Amino acid sequence: MDSLFALVATFLFATLRFLPVIVLPTLSPMTWAPGMVRLLLLLSLAWMTTLAVPSVAIEPHWRQPMGLALAAASELLVGLTFGLAIAIPNAALHSAGWLVDMQAGLGAANLFNPGNAGEMESLLGHAIGLAAIVLFFSLDLHHVLLRALVESLQVMPLGAIDIRLDPSGLFGLLGSAFLLGLMVVVPVVIGLFCVDLAVAYATRSMPQANVYFLALPLKVAAGIFLLALSLRYAPELIGRLFRDALYRIPSLFGA
């Protein structure tokens, strides 16, 4: 009976640890996959993990409802922490695209979008985010993520409740992610700044003309053109962004 209870508890804990990075939309790189596919993948990974883990001794707190709930919450917390290594770089890239949108004038497209329901959507941020998902799998970074999850079983056994997070590791991840995300669009930002200087000079020279609306198509074209030129270096920078986030996971736990 104890062996069956240990098997079920191990499967439950493994499921909760893999849940955020496989199923949850915001934290998972597999948001493009159907929900049933993600669920089957989650159960398969949890079952293989259960079979691969040596015989687990039943911890005393597992026999208490509160202790079992705390252990389950700890496993979910570990999975959410790994999911941050995906969510934060995606947020950094989306913010970088939003910055280019605002600077190029593409943000005005939301005024003419009847389906935005009052929400501001970044066109270039969405495009960069889709490219980042493709690069995440093309660069085999999903293998790095899954290996990190498997190796975490040795450092943080399933069902443990002594999980401690380090806020300094989270702040370091945030600062590094948004800095690397900004590096992806730095050439576009600098180029559009030069265009803004030229538009400002034209505005001073011809105050009677509405230079802003005259220069808006030019800024949009310049932004897209500069972004296309900088895409040559984007895969390396985006890969570096995700790798840095994945390698910073131990620091989130104070390692």
C-alpha atoms as a PDB file:
ATOM      1  CA  MET A   1       0.000   0.000   0.000  1.00  0.00           C
ATOM      2  CA  ASP A   2       2.823   2.372   0.821  1.00  0.00           C
ATOM      3  CA  SER A   3       4.528   1.637  -2.496  1.00  0.00           C
ATOM      4  CA  LEU A   4       1.334   2.464  -4.406  1.00  0.00           C
ATOM      5  CA  PHE A   5       0.891   5.681  -2.424  1.00  0.00           C
ATOM      6  CA  ALA A   6       4.514   6.668  -3.153  1.00  0.00           C
ATOM      7  CA  LEU A   7       4.022   5.951  -6.878  1.00  0.00           C
ATOM      8  CA  VAL A   8       0.854   8.055  -7.086  1.00  0.00           C
ATOM      9  CA  ALA A   9       2.386  10.896  -5.058  1.00  0.00           C
ATOM     10  CA  THR A  10       5.523  10.912  -7.230  1.00  0.00           C
ATOM     11  CA  PHE A  11       3.418  11.030 -10.404  1.00  0.00           C
ATOM     12  CA  LEU A  12       1.355  13.905  -8.984  1.00  0.00           C
ATOM     13  CA  PHE A  13       4.428  15.900  -7.979  1.00  0.00           C
ATOM     14  CA  ALA A  14       6.120  15.326 -11.352  1.00  0.00           C
ATOM     15  CA  THR A  15       2.936  16.456 -13.123  1.00  0.00           C
ATOM     16  CA  LEU A  16       2.820  19.663 -11.108  1.00  0.00           C
ATOM     17  CA  ARG A  17       6.497  20.398 -11.787  1.00  0.00           C
ATOM     18  CA  PHE A  18       6.079  20.008 -15.566  1.00  0.00           C
ATOM     19  CA  LEU A  19       2.639  21.655 -15.697  1.00  0.00           C
ATOM     20  CA  PRO A  20       3.620  25.352 -16.119  1.00  0.00           C
ATOM     21  CA  VAL A  21       6.206  24.854 -18.886  1.00  0.00           C
ATOM     22  CA  ILE A  22       4.085  22.398 -20.857  1.00  0.00           C
ATOM     23  CA  VAL A  23       0.448  23.478 -20.449  1.00  0.00           C
ATOM     24  CA  LEU A  24       0.066  27.028 -19.118  1.00  0.00           C
ATOM     25  CA  PRO A  25      -0.287  29.455 -22.058  1.00  0.00           C
ATOM     26  CA  THR A  26       1.835  32.349 -20.792  1.00  0.00           C
ATOM     27  CA  LEU A  27       4.702  30.281 -19.358  1.00  0.00           C
ATOM     28  CA  SER A  28       4.908  27.525 -21.957  1.00  0.00           C
ATOM     29  CA  PRO A  29       6.758  27.738 -25.292  1.00  0.00           C
ATOM     30  CA  MET A  30       4.160  25.300 -26.671  1.00  0.00           C
ATOM     31  CA  THR A  31       1.188  27.656 -26.703  1.00  0.00           C
ATOM     32  CA  TRP A  32       0.867  26.994 -30.435  1.00  0.00           C
ATOM     33  CA  ALA A  33       0.090  23.307 -29.826  1.00  0.00           C
ATOM     34  CA  PRO A  34      -3.492  22.079 -29.194  1.00  0.00           C
ATOM     35  CA  GLY A  35      -4.467  21.650 -25.567  1.00  0.00           C
ATOM     36  CA  MET A  36      -4.922  17.880 -25.867  1.00  0.00           C
ATOM     37  CA  VAL A  37      -1.419  17.488 -27.299  1.00  0.00           C
ATOM     38  CA  ARG A  38       0.091  19.473 -24.432  1.00  0.00           C
ATOM     39  CA  LEU A  39      -1.875  17.484 -21.880  1.00  0.00           C
ATOM     40  CA  LEU A  40      -0.745  14.152 -23.330  1.00  0.00           C
ATOM     41  CA  LEU A  41       2.843  15.359 -23.434  1.00  0.00           C
ATOM     42  CA  LEU A  42       2.591  16.461 -19.804  1.00  0.00           C
ATOM     43  CA  LEU A  43       1.257  13.096 -18.640  1.00  0.00           C
ATOM     44  CA  SER A  44       3.876  11.239 -20.687  1.00  0.00           C
ATOM     45  CA  LEU A  45       6.762  13.242 -19.253  1.00  0.00           C
ATOM     46  CA  ALA A  46       5.405  12.879 -15.730  1.00  0.00           C
ATOM     47  CA  TRP A  47       5.025   9.106 -16.123  1.00  0.00           C
ATOM     48  CA  MET A  48       8.519   8.661 -17.601  1.00  0.00           C
ATOM     49  CA  THR A  49       9.925  10.772 -14.769  1.00  0.00           C
ATOM     50  CA  THR A  50       8.104   8.605 -12.237  1.00  0.00           C
ATOM     51  CA  LEU A  51       9.581   5.457 -13.766  1.00  0.00           C
ATOM     52  CA  ALA A  52      13.076   6.956 -13.979  1.00  0.00           C
ATOM     53  CA  VAL A  53      13.173   8.193 -10.391  1.00  0.00           C
ATOM     54  CA  PRO A  54      14.454   5.554  -7.954  1.00  0.00           C
ATOM     55  CA  SER A  55      12.165   4.234  -5.253  1.00  0.00           C
ATOM     56  CA  VAL A  56      11.030   7.249  -3.277  1.00  0.00           C
ATOM     57  CA  ALA A  57      10.593   6.911   0.457  1.00  0.00           C
ATOM     58  CA  ILE A  58       7.376   8.345   1.810  1.00  0.00           C
ATOM     59  CA  GLU A  59       8.100  11.568   3.635  1.00  0.00           C
ATOM     60  CA  PRO A  60       6.341  12.085   6.977  1.00  0.00           C
ATOM     61  CA  HIS A  61       4.572  15.244   5.792  1.00  0.00           C
ATOM     62  CA  TRP A  62       2.996  13.327   2.890  1.00  0.00           C
ATOM     63  CA  ARG A  63       0.739  11.507   5.345  1.00  0.00           C
ATOM     64  CA  GLN A  64      -0.809  14.784   6.497  1.00  0.00           C
ATOM     65  CA  PRO A  65      -3.266  16.701   4.286  1.00  0.00           C
ATOM     66  CA  MET A  66      -1.574  20.043   4.978  1.00  0.00           C
ATOM     67  CA  GLY A  67       1.885  18.620   4.358  1.00  0.00           C
ATOM     68  CA  LEU A  68       0.762  17.009   1.098  1.00  0.00           C
ATOM     69  CA  ALA A  69      -0.800  20.295  -0.031  1.00  0.00           C
ATOM     70  CA  LEU A  70       2.402  22.211   0.806  1.00  0.00           C
ATOM     71  CA  ALA A  71       4.496  19.692  -1.122  1.00  0.00           C
ATOM     72  CA  ALA A  72       2.185  20.039  -4.137  1.00  0.00           C
ATOM     73  CA  ALA A  73       2.370  23.840  -3.899  1.00  0.00           C
ATOM     74  CA  SER A  74       6.174  23.640  -3.742  1.00  0.00           C
ATOM     75  CA  GLU A  75       6.289  21.538  -6.916  1.00  0.00           C
ATOM     76  CA  LEU A  76       4.002  24.001  -8.680  1.00  0.00           C
ATOM     77  CA  LEU A  77       6.233  26.850  -7.501  1.00  0.00           C
ATOM     78  CA  VAL A  78       9.294  25.130  -8.984  1.00  0.00           C
ATOM     79  CA  GLY A  79       7.489  24.709 -12.309  1.00  0.00           C
ATOM     80  CA  LEU A  80       6.362  28.333 -12.288  1.00  0.00           C
ATOM     81  CA  THR A  81       9.939  29.437 -11.659  1.00  0.00           C
ATOM     82  CA  PHE A  82      11.120  27.496 -14.697  1.00  0.00           C
ATOM     83  CA  GLY A  83       8.248  29.029 -16.651  1.00  0.00           C
ATOM     84  CA  LEU A  84       9.559  32.491 -15.799  1.00  0.00           C
ATOM     85  CA  ALA A  85      12.647  31.678 -17.861  1.00  0.00           C
ATOM     86  CA  ILE A  86      10.295  31.571 -20.871  1.00  0.00           C
ATOM     87  CA  ALA A  87       7.797  34.277 -19.948  1.00  0.00           C
ATOM     88  CA  ILE A  88      10.299  37.008 -19.050  1.00  0.00           C
ATOM     89  CA  PRO A  89      12.335  36.812 -22.317  1.00  0.00           C
ATOM     90  CA  ASN A  90       9.088  36.814 -24.306  1.00  0.00           C
ATOM     91  CA  ALA A  91       7.923  39.863 -22.362  1.00  0.00           C
ATOM     92  CA  ALA A  92      11.270  41.561 -23.025  1.00  0.00           C
ATOM     93  CA  LEU A  93      10.989  40.945 -26.776  1.00  0.00           C
ATOM     94  CA  HIS A  94       7.383  42.141 -26.808  1.00  0.00           C
ATOM     95  CA  SER A  95       8.387  45.319 -24.955  1.00  0.00           C
ATOM     96  CA  ALA A  96      11.215  45.889 -27.441  1.00  0.00           C
ATOM     97  CA  GLY A  97       8.775  45.516 -30.339  1.00  0.00           C
ATOM     98  CA  TRP A  98       6.332  47.865 -28.608  1.00  0.00           C
ATOM     99  CA  LEU A  99       9.116  50.456 -28.298  1.00  0.00           C
ATOM    100  CA  VAL A 100       9.770  50.271 -32.038  1.00  0.00           C
ATOM    101  CA  ASP A 101       6.032  50.483 -32.720  1.00  0.00           C
ATOM    102  CA  MET A 102       5.724  53.672 -30.713  1.00  0.00           C
ATOM    103  CA  GLN A 103       8.811  55.214 -32.272  1.00  0.00           C
ATOM    104  CA  ALA A 104       7.882  54.280 -35.856  1.00  0.00           C
ATOM    105  CA  GLY A 105       4.252  55.359 -35.483  1.00  0.00           C
ATOM    106  CA  LEU A 106       2.750  51.874 -35.879  1.00  0.00           C
ATOM    107  CA  GLY A 107       1.000  52.374 -32.549  1.00  0.00           C
ATOM    108  CA  ALA A 108      -1.494  54.578 -34.409  1.00  0.00           C
ATOM    109  CA  ALA A 109      -2.782  51.425 -36.141  1.00  0.00           C
ATOM    110  CA  ASN A 110      -4.649  50.536 -32.952  1.00  0.00           C
ATOM    111  CA  LEU A 111      -6.853  53.601 -33.476  1.00  0.00           C
ATOM    112  CA  PHE A 112      -8.141  52.116 -36.737  1.00  0.00           C
ATOM    113  CA  ASN A 113      -8.494  48.534 -35.497  1.00  0.00           C
ATOM    114  CA  PRO A 114     -12.157  47.922 -34.579  1.00  0.00           C
ATOM    115  CA  GLY A 115     -11.359  44.608 -32.921  1.00  0.00           C
ATOM    116  CA  ASN A 116      -8.828  45.759 -30.357  1.00  0.00           C
ATOM    117  CA  ALA A 117     -11.522  46.354 -27.688  1.00  0.00           C
ATOM    118  CA  GLY A 118      -9.508  49.175 -26.177  1.00  0.00           C
ATOM    119  CA  GLU A 119      -6.352  47.056 -25.791  1.00  0.00           C
ATOM    120  CA  MET A 120      -3.019  48.208 -27.150  1.00  0.00           C
ATOM    121  CA  GLU A 121      -1.387  45.542 -29.312  1.00  0.00           C
ATOM    122  CA  SER A 122       2.178  45.698 -30.553  1.00  0.00           C
ATOM    123  CA  LEU A 123       2.397  44.649 -34.205  1.00  0.00           C
ATOM    124  CA  LEU A 124       6.174  44.303 -34.332  1.00  0.00           C
ATOM    125  CA  GLY A 125       6.235  42.896 -30.801  1.00  0.00           C
ATOM    126  CA  HIS A 126       3.843  40.154 -31.866  1.00  0.00           C
ATOM    127  CA  ALA A 127       5.944  39.436 -34.959  1.00  0.00           C
ATOM    128  CA  ILE A 128       9.172  39.266 -32.955  1.00  0.00           C
ATOM    129  CA  GLY A 129       7.455  37.018 -30.422  1.00  0.00           C
ATOM    130  CA  LEU A 130       6.431  34.566 -33.151  1.00  0.00           C
ATOM    131  CA  ALA A 131       9.982  34.572 -34.511  1.00  0.00           C
ATOM    132  CA  ALA A 132      11.296  33.916 -30.993  1.00  0.00           C
ATOM    133  CA  ILE A 133       9.086  30.822 -30.640  1.00  0.00           C
ATOM    134  CA  VAL A 134      10.421  29.443 -33.928  1.00  0.00           C
ATOM    135  CA  LEU A 135      14.015  30.135 -32.877  1.00  0.00           C
ATOM    136  CA  PHE A 136      13.428  28.582 -29.451  1.00  0.00           C
ATOM    137  CA  PHE A 137      12.761  25.216 -31.073  1.00  0.00           C
ATOM    138  CA  SER A 138      15.178  25.690 -33.988  1.00  0.00           C
ATOM    139  CA  LEU A 139      18.075  26.263 -31.583  1.00  0.00           C
ATOM    140  CA  ASP A 140      17.057  23.203 -29.497  1.00  0.00           C
ATOM    141  CA  LEU A 141      16.494  25.354 -26.441  1.00  0.00           C
ATOM    142  CA  HIS A 142      13.480  23.221 -25.512  1.00  0.00           C
ATOM    143  CA  HIS A 143      15.946  20.386 -24.897  1.00  0.00           C
ATOM    144  CA  VAL A 144      17.899  22.640 -22.553  1.00  0.00           C
ATOM    145  CA  LEU A 145      14.699  23.479 -20.674  1.00  0.00           C
ATOM    146  CA  LEU A 146      13.640  19.850 -20.307  1.00  0.00           C
ATOM    147  CA  ARG A 147      17.134  18.768 -19.223  1.00  0.00           C
ATOM    148  CA  ALA A 148      17.124  21.505 -16.609  1.00  0.00           C
ATOM    149  CA  LEU A 149      13.785  20.260 -15.305  1.00  0.00           C
ATOM    150  CA  VAL A 150      15.058  16.682 -15.125  1.00  0.00           C
ATOM    151  CA  GLU A 151      18.305  17.693 -13.431  1.00  0.00           C
ATOM    152  CA  SER A 152      16.331  19.720 -10.901  1.00  0.00           C
ATOM    153  CA  LEU A 153      15.032  16.424  -9.514  1.00  0.00           C
ATOM    154  CA  GLN A 154      18.494  15.693  -8.130  1.00  0.00           C
ATOM    155  CA  VAL A 155      18.844  19.062  -6.424  1.00  0.00           C
ATOM    156  CA  MET A 156      15.200  19.459  -5.367  1.00  0.00           C
ATOM    157  CA  PRO A 157      13.617  16.016  -4.881  1.00  0.00           C
ATOM    158  CA  LEU A 158       9.964  15.548  -5.625  1.00  0.00           C
ATOM    159  CA  GLY A 159       7.684  16.344  -2.730  1.00  0.00           C
ATOM    160  CA  ALA A 160      10.107  18.555  -0.820  1.00  0.00           C
ATOM    161  CA  ILE A 161       8.726  21.569   1.000  1.00  0.00           C
ATOM    162  CA  ASP A 162      11.966  23.438   1.750  1.00  0.00           C
ATOM    163  CA  ILE A 163      11.975  25.427  -1.513  1.00  0.00           C
ATOM    164  CA  ARG A 164      13.431  28.907  -1.095  1.00  0.00           C
ATOM    165  CA  LEU A 165      13.494  31.603  -3.757  1.00  0.00           C
ATOM    166  CA  ASP A 166      16.072  34.379  -3.953  1.00  0.00           C
ATOM    167  CA  PRO A 167      14.650  37.801  -4.975  1.00  0.00           C
ATOM    168  CA  SER A 168      18.079  38.979  -6.169  1.00  0.00           C
ATOM    169  CA  GLY A 169      18.120  36.180  -8.741  1.00  0.00           C
ATOM    170  CA  LEU A 170      14.739  37.325 -10.055  1.00  0.00           C
ATOM    171  CA  PHE A 171      15.903  40.941 -10.334  1.00  0.00           C
ATOM    172  CA  GLY A 172      19.043  39.791 -12.136  1.00  0.00           C
ATOM    173  CA  LEU A 173      16.925  37.797 -14.597  1.00  0.00           C
ATOM    174  CA  LEU A 174      14.647  40.778 -15.226  1.00  0.00           C
ATOM    175  CA  GLY A 175      17.507  43.200 -15.808  1.00  0.00           C
ATOM    176  CA  SER A 176      19.448  40.848 -18.064  1.00  0.00           C
ATOM    177  CA  ALA A 177      16.388  39.808 -20.099  1.00  0.00           C
ATOM    178  CA  PHE A 178      15.167  43.325 -20.843  1.00  0.00           C
ATOM    179  CA  LEU A 179      18.706  44.497 -21.650  1.00  0.00           C
ATOM    180  CA  LEU A 180      19.245  41.655 -24.129  1.00  0.00           C
ATOM    181  CA  GLY A 181      15.752  42.184 -25.529  1.00  0.00           C
ATOM    182  CA  LEU A 182      16.567  45.838 -26.159  1.00  0.00           C
ATOM    183  CA  MET A 183      19.759  44.830 -27.982  1.00  0.00           C
ATOM    184  CA  VAL A 184      17.635  43.103 -30.638  1.00  0.00           C
ATOM    185  CA  VAL A 185      16.058  46.408 -31.714  1.00  0.00           C
ATOM    186  CA  VAL A 186      18.855  48.876 -30.870  1.00  0.00           C
ATOM    187  CA  PRO A 187      19.781  49.469 -34.563  1.00  0.00           C
ATOM    188  CA  VAL A 188      16.138  50.236 -35.343  1.00  0.00           C
ATOM    189  CA  VAL A 189      15.797  52.587 -32.367  1.00  0.00           C
ATOM    190  CA  ILE A 190      18.951  54.509 -33.317  1.00  0.00           C
ATOM    191  CA  GLY A 191      17.910  54.739 -36.978  1.00  0.00           C
ATOM    192  CA  LEU A 192      14.434  55.993 -36.102  1.00  0.00           C
ATOM    193  CA  PHE A 193      15.959  58.528 -33.728  1.00  0.00           C
ATOM    194  CA  CYS A 194      17.943  59.937 -36.652  1.00  0.00           C
ATOM    195  CA  VAL A 195      14.726  60.099 -38.687  1.00  0.00           C
ATOM    196  CA  ASP A 196      13.060  61.948 -35.806  1.00  0.00           C
ATOM    197  CA  LEU A 197      15.881  64.489 -35.816  1.00  0.00           C
ATOM    198  CA  ALA A 198      15.375  65.075 -39.538  1.00  0.00           C
ATOM    199  CA  VAL A 199      11.606  65.432 -39.038  1.00  0.00           C
ATOM    200  CA  ALA A 200      12.167  67.887 -36.188  1.00  0.00           C
ATOM    201  CA  TYR A 201      14.466  69.972 -38.394  1.00  0.00           C
ATOM    202  CA  ALA A 202      11.848  69.942 -41.170  1.00  0.00           C
ATOM    203  CA  THR A 203       9.172  71.000 -38.689  1.00  0.00           C
ATOM    204  CA  ARG A 204      11.244  73.996 -37.632  1.00  0.00           C
ATOM    205  CA  SER A 205      11.904  74.902 -41.256  1.00  0.00           C
ATOM    206  CA  MET A 206       8.275  74.537 -42.386  1.00  0.00           C
ATOM    207  CA  PRO A 207       6.040  75.267 -39.370  1.00  0.00           C
ATOM    208  CA  GLN A 208       2.991  75.718 -41.592  1.00  0.00           C
ATOM    209  CA  ALA A 209       3.118  72.104 -42.820  1.00  0.00           C
ATOM    210  CA  ASN A 210       1.900  69.140 -40.795  1.00  0.00           C
ATOM    211  CA  VAL A 211       5.207  67.320 -41.025  1.00  0.00           C
ATOM    212  CA  TYR A 212       4.225  64.602 -38.558  1.00  0.00           C
ATOM    213  CA  PHE A 213       1.567  63.063 -40.798  1.00  0.00           C
ATOM    214  CA  LEU A 214       3.717  63.616 -43.867  1.00  0.00           C
ATOM    215  CA  ALA A 215       6.665  61.801 -42.261  1.00  0.00           C
ATOM    216  CA  LEU A 216       4.607  58.989 -40.687  1.00  0.00           C
ATOM    217  CA  PRO A 217       4.748  56.688 -43.758  1.00  0.00           C
ATOM    218  CA  LEU A 218       8.487  57.395 -43.998  1.00  0.00           C
ATOM    219  CA  LYS A 219       9.039  56.414 -40.372  1.00  0.00           C
ATOM    220  CA  VAL A 220       7.020  53.212 -40.758  1.00  0.00           C
ATOM    221  CA  ALA A 221       8.971  52.250 -43.877  1.00  0.00           C
ATOM    222  CA  ALA A 222      12.280  53.118 -42.222  1.00  0.00           C
ATOM    223  CA  GLY A 223      11.379  51.082 -39.130  1.00  0.00           C
ATOM    224  CA  ILE A 224      10.450  47.983 -41.138  1.00  0.00           C
ATOM    225  CA  PHE A 225      13.522  48.365 -43.367  1.00  0.00           C
ATOM    226  CA  LEU A 226      15.910  48.723 -40.422  1.00  0.00           C
ATOM    227  CA  LEU A 227      14.260  45.805 -38.625  1.00  0.00           C
ATOM    228  CA  ALA A 228      14.708  43.654 -41.730  1.00  0.00           C
ATOM    229  CA  LEU A 229      18.393  44.561 -41.831  1.00  0.00           C
ATOM    230  CA  SER A 230      18.898  43.793 -38.153  1.00  0.00           C
ATOM    231  CA  LEU A 231      17.207  40.376 -38.429  1.00  0.00           C
ATOM    232  CA  ARG A 232      20.529  38.981 -39.606  1.00  0.00           C
ATOM    233  CA  TYR A 233      21.828  39.245 -36.037  1.00  0.00           C
ATOM    234  CA  ALA A 234      18.505  38.583 -34.282  1.00  0.00           C
ATOM    235  CA  PRO A 235      18.774  34.757 -34.047  1.00  0.00           C
ATOM    236  CA  GLU A 236      22.056  34.952 -32.159  1.00  0.00           C
ATOM    237  CA  LEU A 237      20.749  37.658 -29.823  1.00  0.00           C
ATOM    238  CA  ILE A 238      17.414  35.928 -29.174  1.00  0.00           C
ATOM    239  CA  GLY A 239      19.193  32.621 -28.562  1.00  0.00           C
ATOM    240  CA  ARG A 240      21.520  34.373 -26.135  1.00  0.00           C
ATOM    241  CA  LEU A 241      18.500  35.912 -24.412  1.00  0.00           C
ATOM    242  CA  PHE A 242      16.826  32.549 -23.767  1.00  0.00           C
ATOM    243  CA  ARG A 243      20.064  30.777 -22.853  1.00  0.00           C
ATOM    244  CA  ASP A 244      20.921  33.454 -20.323  1.00  0.00           C
ATOM    245  CA  ALA A 245      17.445  33.137 -18.777  1.00  0.00           C
ATOM    246  CA  LEU A 246      17.711  29.338 -18.589  1.00  0.00           C
ATOM    247  CA  TYR A 247      21.201  29.466 -17.063  1.00  0.00           C
ATOM    248  CA  ARG A 248      19.975  31.919 -14.432  1.00  0.00           C
ATOM    249  CA  ILE A 249      17.362  29.481 -13.091  1.00  0.00           C
ATOM    250  CA  PRO A 250      19.666  28.150 -10.311  1.00  0.00           C
ATOM    251  CA  SER A 251      20.185  31.723  -9.081  1.00  0.00           C
ATOM    252  CA  LEU A 252      16.420  32.005  -8.578  1.00  0.00           C
ATOM    253  CA  PHE A 253      16.713  29.274  -5.963  1.00  0.00           C
ATOM    254  CA  GLY A 254      19.712  30.899  -4.293  1.00  0.00           C
ATOM    255  CA  ALA A 255      22.334  28.642  -5.910  1.00  0.00           C
END
